[in-house]
Amino acid sequence: MDSIIIAAVTGVVSSVATIAAIKVDIGWIKQTQSDFKERLKLLENRLSVLEKNRVDSAS
């Protein structure tokens, strides 16, 4: 009987730890996506300026 209780407690603790790790990973992924989104906007703006300058210099 003791081994069943130990197994159940171990399973619950393992599940809680796994859920906590997944939540941390999801938070990290969201932050990384946000950082990439900001970098992409910056690059798009820089490209737009370069394209505008190229068109203006060609005229």
Protein backbone atom coordinates (compact mmCIF):
# COMPACT_ATOMS: atom_id res chain seq x y z
CA MET A 1 0.00 0.00 0.00
CA ASP A 2 2.85 2.40 0.82
CA SER A 3 4.38 1.92 -2.60
CA ILE A 4 1.09 2.91 -4.27
CA ILE A 5 0.93 6.13 -2.23
CA ILE A 6 4.58 6.92 -3.02
CA ALA A 7 3.97 6.28 -6.72
CA ALA A 8 0.88 8.51 -6.70
CA VAL A 9 2.67 11.36 -4.92
CA THR A 10 5.66 11.04 -7.24
CA GLY A 11 3.34 11.15 -10.27
CA VAL A 12 1.56 14.25 -9.01
CA VAL A 13 4.81 16.07 -8.23
CA SER A 14 6.20 15.12 -11.62
CA SER A 15 3.06 16.40 -13.35
CA VAL A 16 3.17 19.70 -11.49
CA ALA A 17 6.85 20.16 -12.37
CA THR A 18 6.16 19.37 -16.02
CA ILE A 19 3.29 21.88 -16.18
CA ALA A 20 5.47 24.56 -14.56
CA ALA A 21 8.26 23.91 -17.07
CA ILE A 22 5.83 24.11 -19.99
CA LYS A 23 4.43 27.42 -18.72
CA VAL A 24 7.97 28.83 -18.48
CA ASP A 25 8.73 27.63 -22.01
CA ILE A 26 5.53 29.19 -23.36
CA GLY A 27 6.42 32.49 -21.68
CA TRP A 28 9.89 32.36 -23.20
CA ILE A 29 8.48 31.61 -26.66
CA LYS A 30 6.03 34.53 -26.41
CA GLN A 31 8.84 36.89 -25.38
CA THR A 32 11.06 35.68 -28.21
CA GLN A 33 8.24 36.17 -30.73
CA SER A 34 7.69 39.68 -29.43
CA ASP A 35 11.40 40.47 -29.75
CA PHE A 36 11.47 39.10 -33.31
CA LYS A 37 8.36 41.10 -34.18
CA GLU A 38 10.06 44.32 -33.04
CA ARG A 39 13.23 43.48 -34.97
CA LEU A 40 11.19 42.68 -38.09
CA LYS A 41 9.36 46.01 -37.88
CA LEU A 42 12.69 47.82 -37.57
CA LEU A 43 14.12 45.98 -40.57
CA GLU A 44 10.99 46.63 -42.64
CA ASN A 45 11.20 50.34 -41.83
CA ARG A 46 14.89 50.45 -42.75
CA LEU A 47 14.17 48.63 -46.02
CA SER A 48 11.36 51.03 -46.81
CA VAL A 49 13.69 54.00 -46.32
CA LEU A 50 16.36 52.39 -48.50
CA GLU A 51 13.84 51.66 -51.26
CA LYS A 52 12.52 55.22 -51.08
CA ASN A 53 16.03 56.63 -51.32
CA ARG A 54 16.79 54.37 -54.25
CA VAL A 55 13.68 55.51 -56.13
CA ASP A 56 14.41 59.17 -55.31
CA SER A 57 18.02 58.92 -56.50
CA ALA A 58 16.98 57.19 -59.73
CA SER A 59 14.66 60.06 -60.69
